[in-house]
Amino acid sequence: MNNEHKKGGGIKVRGKHEIRDTRYKQRVLGIDEAGRGPVIGPLVICGLIMNLSNIAELSPRGVRDSKMLTSFRRKKLKEEIQPLAEAYELIIISPESIDKEGMNDLELRVVVKLISQFYPHQVFLDAPTRNCFSYEKKIRRLLSAEMKVELVVENFADKNYPVVGAASILAKVERDRIISELGKQYGDIGSGYPSDEKTIKFLREYFHREKCFPPIVRKRWKTLQRIKMEEERERCW
């Protein structure tokens, strides 16, 4: 069953939550995110649980790190990944929540929630920090003592493990969908990344016109401070 519900603090949850009888199958959880770096839009974290036989089908279908795929290919693969999954969940964290609580703490809590919820035998996780060992220790500290699970916490896990690549694809497709919807509301906002000229053009023009930034931005990002300073310099001239 695919559904959506809201949690407090600007966090939404979407996904397929029924889990079939897997007592005799090893269940593996892949976790990855899309949208750590953008100045516009949410962070989307995906937890995807599969059995080993279905994981073996991912690579032949072309599943890999979402950044290595075109938007069209990601959407096609999403339709192939979802039926293979025992369950998956997309956690959508708003810019407001990121500003208020901090990206790293929020992401850590979501990872622990996904592991606790799905109770897998093994977890493969794309670490958001270079110190993978330290990040694994933080996860262990927050998990209940009764939970015995093998954790594989690595950089570039989305490239090395198909189940993480699959999670990255679902997360990226969902974030792209949200950005597309925001574009319909605000105009051409680009990808939301600071490196995107369309995004910077939108932010400069919006700030120049409204004297503030829209609610879809992460207000603590340095990109916005630079745009403010540029606007102030132009006024002085």
Protein backbone atom coordinates (compact mmCIF):
# COMPACT_ATOMS: atom_id res chain seq x y z
CA MET A 1 0.00 0.00 0.00
CA ASN A 2 1.43 3.36 -1.06
CA ASN A 3 0.44 6.23 1.18
CA GLU A 4 1.49 9.57 2.60
CA HIS A 5 1.16 11.08 6.03
CA LYS A 6 2.58 14.03 7.91
CA LYS A 7 4.65 14.07 11.06
CA GLY A 8 5.36 17.09 13.21
CA GLY A 9 8.02 19.67 12.46
CA GLY A 10 7.74 19.85 8.68
CA ILE A 11 8.42 16.17 8.01
CA LYS A 12 6.35 14.06 5.60
CA VAL A 13 6.43 10.30 5.12
CA ARG A 14 5.55 8.47 1.92
CA GLY A 15 5.99 4.86 0.94
CA LYS A 16 4.91 1.27 0.70
CA HIS A 17 4.63 -0.11 4.18
CA GLU A 18 3.21 -3.61 4.10
CA ILE A 19 5.85 -6.27 4.65
CA ARG A 20 5.25 -9.78 3.37
CA ASP A 21 6.14 -12.87 5.40
CA THR A 22 9.93 -12.92 5.28
CA ARG A 23 10.74 -15.13 8.26
CA TYR A 24 12.78 -17.45 6.07
CA LYS A 25 14.46 -14.77 3.97
CA GLN A 26 17.31 -12.46 4.85
CA ARG A 27 16.00 -8.91 4.77
CA VAL A 28 18.41 -6.15 3.78
CA LEU A 29 17.82 -2.42 4.26
CA GLY A 30 19.42 0.16 1.99
CA ILE A 31 19.39 3.83 3.05
CA ASP A 32 20.36 6.89 1.03
CA GLU A 33 19.31 10.50 0.57
CA ALA A 34 18.84 13.18 -2.05
CA GLY A 35 19.23 16.86 -1.38
CA ARG A 36 21.88 17.49 1.27
CA GLY A 37 23.50 20.32 -0.67
CA PRO A 38 20.68 22.37 -2.24
CA VAL A 39 19.62 25.77 -0.98
CA ILE A 40 16.04 25.17 -2.18
CA GLY A 41 13.71 22.33 -1.28
CA PRO A 42 13.66 19.38 1.11
CA LEU A 43 16.05 16.64 2.06
CA VAL A 44 14.58 13.27 1.06
CA ILE A 45 15.81 10.11 2.79
CA CYS A 46 14.79 6.68 1.54
CA GLY A 47 14.86 3.37 3.39
CA LEU A 48 14.27 0.39 1.10
CA ILE A 49 14.00 -3.18 2.35
CA MET A 50 14.45 -6.19 0.08
CA ASN A 51 15.26 -9.87 0.29
CA LEU A 52 18.49 -11.18 -1.20
CA SER A 53 16.89 -12.83 -4.24
CA ASN A 54 15.32 -9.54 -5.32
CA ILE A 55 18.53 -7.59 -4.67
CA ALA A 56 20.21 -9.88 -7.21
CA GLU A 57 17.83 -8.50 -9.84
CA LEU A 58 18.88 -4.87 -9.36
CA SER A 59 22.25 -4.75 -11.14
CA PRO A 60 21.04 -6.54 -14.30
CA ARG A 61 18.28 -3.94 -14.54
CA GLY A 62 20.83 -1.13 -14.45
CA VAL A 63 20.31 0.06 -10.87
CA ARG A 64 23.22 2.17 -9.65
CA ASP A 65 23.96 5.50 -7.96
CA SER A 66 21.18 7.88 -9.03
CA LYS A 67 23.73 10.58 -9.91
CA MET A 68 25.00 8.35 -12.73
CA LEU A 69 21.57 8.12 -14.37
CA THR A 70 19.43 10.47 -16.42
CA SER A 71 16.13 11.72 -15.03
CA PHE A 72 14.26 9.59 -17.57
CA ARG A 73 16.18 6.45 -16.59
CA ARG A 74 15.65 7.07 -12.88
CA LYS A 75 11.90 7.31 -13.36
CA LYS A 76 11.84 4.08 -15.37
CA LEU A 77 13.92 2.25 -12.77
CA LYS A 78 11.70 3.51 -9.96
CA GLU A 79 8.80 1.61 -11.51
CA GLU A 80 10.94 -1.55 -11.56
CA ILE A 81 12.35 -1.13 -8.06
CA GLN A 82 9.09 -0.58 -6.19
CA PRO A 83 7.54 -4.00 -6.95
CA LEU A 84 10.79 -5.72 -5.91
CA ALA A 85 10.80 -4.03 -2.50
CA GLU A 86 9.24 -5.67 0.53
CA ALA A 87 8.66 -2.11 1.74
CA TYR A 88 10.14 1.35 1.47
CA GLU A 89 9.74 4.71 3.12
CA LEU A 90 10.53 8.22 1.95
CA ILE A 91 11.12 10.77 4.69
CA ILE A 92 10.73 14.32 3.36
CA ILE A 93 12.33 16.95 5.60
CA SER A 94 11.38 20.57 4.97
CA PRO A 95 13.86 23.48 4.74
CA GLU A 96 12.26 24.91 7.89
CA SER A 97 13.06 21.74 9.85
CA ILE A 98 16.62 21.70 8.51
CA ASP A 99 17.14 25.31 9.62
CA LYS A 100 15.63 24.65 13.03
CA GLU A 101 17.17 21.31 13.98
CA GLY A 102 20.22 20.88 11.76
CA MET A 103 20.78 18.51 8.87
CA ASN A 104 23.09 16.04 10.59
CA ASP A 105 20.98 15.44 13.69
CA LEU A 106 17.81 15.06 11.66
CA GLU A 107 19.38 12.61 9.24
CA LEU A 108 20.82 10.51 12.06
CA ARG A 109 17.43 10.26 13.77
CA VAL A 110 15.75 9.26 10.52
CA VAL A 111 18.33 6.53 9.89
CA VAL A 112 17.73 5.09 13.37
CA LYS A 113 13.96 5.29 12.86
CA LEU A 114 14.16 3.37 9.57
CA ILE A 115 16.36 0.64 11.04
CA SER A 116 14.12 0.28 14.10
CA GLN A 117 10.96 0.26 12.00
CA PHE A 118 12.02 -2.33 9.43
CA TYR A 119 14.16 -4.48 11.76
CA PRO A 120 16.41 -5.89 9.00
CA HIS A 121 19.15 -8.50 9.28
CA GLN A 122 21.62 -6.19 7.54
CA VAL A 123 21.82 -2.47 6.74
CA PHE A 124 23.81 -0.80 3.96
CA LEU A 125 24.07 2.95 4.40
CA ASP A 126 25.73 5.72 2.41
CA ALA A 127 27.52 7.67 5.15
CA PRO A 128 27.02 11.47 5.07
CA THR A 129 30.42 11.99 6.71
CA ARG A 130 33.98 10.89 6.00
CA ASN A 131 34.30 9.33 9.45
CA CYS A 132 32.17 6.24 8.80
CA PHE A 133 33.25 4.49 11.99
CA SER A 134 32.16 7.40 14.17
CA TYR A 135 28.82 7.61 12.35
CA GLU A 136 28.20 3.90 12.87
CA LYS A 137 28.91 4.33 16.59
CA LYS A 138 26.33 7.13 16.78
CA ILE A 139 23.73 4.89 15.15
CA ARG A 140 24.52 2.03 17.56
CA ARG A 141 24.14 4.32 20.56
CA LEU A 142 20.65 5.35 19.46
CA LEU A 143 19.40 1.87 18.56
CA SER A 144 17.80 -0.22 21.27
CA ALA A 145 20.13 -2.68 22.99
CA GLU A 146 17.96 -5.57 21.86
CA MET A 147 18.43 -4.80 18.18
CA LYS A 148 21.14 -6.99 16.71
CA VAL A 149 21.78 -5.85 13.16
CA GLU A 150 24.82 -5.83 10.91
CA LEU A 151 25.67 -2.28 9.82
CA VAL A 152 27.70 -1.52 6.70
CA VAL A 153 28.34 2.24 6.79
CA GLU A 154 30.50 3.44 3.92
CA ASN A 155 31.17 6.41 1.68
CA PHE A 156 29.98 5.81 -1.89
CA ALA A 157 27.74 2.94 -0.78
CA ASP A 158 25.28 4.07 -3.46
CA LYS A 159 27.90 3.10 -6.06
CA ASN A 160 29.03 -0.11 -4.39
CA TYR A 161 25.77 -1.72 -3.22
CA PRO A 162 22.73 -2.01 -5.52
CA VAL A 163 20.23 -1.85 -2.64
CA VAL A 164 21.64 1.57 -1.67
CA GLY A 165 21.63 2.62 -5.32
CA ALA A 166 17.95 1.67 -5.45
CA ALA A 167 17.23 3.79 -2.36
CA SER A 168 19.12 6.71 -3.92
CA ILE A 169 16.98 6.46 -7.06
CA LEU A 170 13.69 6.56 -5.13
CA ALA A 171 14.92 9.49 -3.05
CA LYS A 172 16.13 11.44 -6.08
CA VAL A 173 12.94 10.87 -8.10
CA GLU A 174 10.85 12.06 -5.14
CA ARG A 175 12.94 15.20 -4.63
CA ASP A 176 12.81 15.96 -8.36
CA ARG A 177 9.02 15.62 -8.23
CA ILE A 178 8.83 18.10 -5.37
CA ILE A 179 11.15 20.58 -7.12
CA SER A 180 8.98 20.33 -10.23
CA GLU A 181 5.89 21.17 -8.15
CA LEU A 182 7.68 24.12 -6.56
CA GLY A 183 8.65 25.33 -10.03
CA LYS A 184 4.98 25.42 -11.03
CA GLN A 185 4.32 27.66 -8.03
CA TYR A 186 7.37 29.95 -8.13
CA GLY A 187 8.59 29.82 -11.73
CA ASP A 188 11.93 28.49 -12.95
CA ILE A 189 13.88 27.73 -9.77
CA GLY A 190 16.37 25.40 -11.44
CA SER A 191 17.54 22.33 -9.54
CA GLY A 192 17.80 24.13 -6.20
CA TYR A 193 21.59 23.69 -6.00
CA PRO A 194 23.88 26.70 -5.42
CA SER A 195 25.92 25.68 -8.48
CA ASP A 196 22.86 26.06 -10.71
CA GLU A 197 22.76 29.48 -12.44
CA LYS A 198 18.96 29.29 -12.77
CA THR A 199 18.62 28.77 -9.02
CA ILE A 200 20.87 31.73 -8.21
CA LYS A 201 19.06 33.93 -10.76
CA PHE A 202 15.71 33.04 -9.19
CA LEU A 203 16.94 33.79 -5.67
CA ARG A 204 18.51 37.12 -6.64
CA GLU A 205 15.41 38.29 -8.48
CA TYR A 206 13.06 37.13 -5.72
CA PHE A 207 15.11 38.86 -3.01
CA HIS A 208 15.42 42.04 -5.08
CA ARG A 209 11.66 42.12 -5.59
CA GLU A 210 10.36 40.92 -2.21
CA LYS A 211 13.23 41.97 0.09
CA CYS A 212 13.16 38.45 1.58
CA PHE A 213 13.56 34.85 0.47
CA PRO A 214 10.68 32.42 -0.17
CA PRO A 215 9.77 29.78 2.45
CA ILE A 216 11.17 27.01 0.24
CA VAL A 217 14.80 27.96 1.01
CA ARG A 218 17.22 26.86 3.71
CA LYS A 219 17.79 30.19 5.37
CA ARG A 220 21.01 29.23 7.14
CA TRP A 221 22.80 28.45 3.85
CA LYS A 222 25.72 30.77 3.06
CA THR A 223 24.45 31.19 -0.50
CA LEU A 224 21.64 33.40 0.79
CA GLN A 225 24.00 35.51 2.87
CA ARG A 226 26.10 36.18 -0.23
CA ILE A 227 23.03 37.24 -2.22
CA LYS A 228 22.01 39.59 0.59
CA MET A 229 25.46 41.17 0.64
CA GLU A 230 25.43 41.60 -3.16
CA GLU A 231 22.05 43.33 -2.94
CA GLU A 232 23.30 45.67 -0.21
CA ARG A 233 26.40 46.59 -2.25
CA GLU A 234 24.23 47.39 -5.27
CA ARG A 235 22.05 49.68 -3.16
CA CYS A 236 25.11 51.53 -1.89
CA TRP A 237 26.19 52.22 -5.46
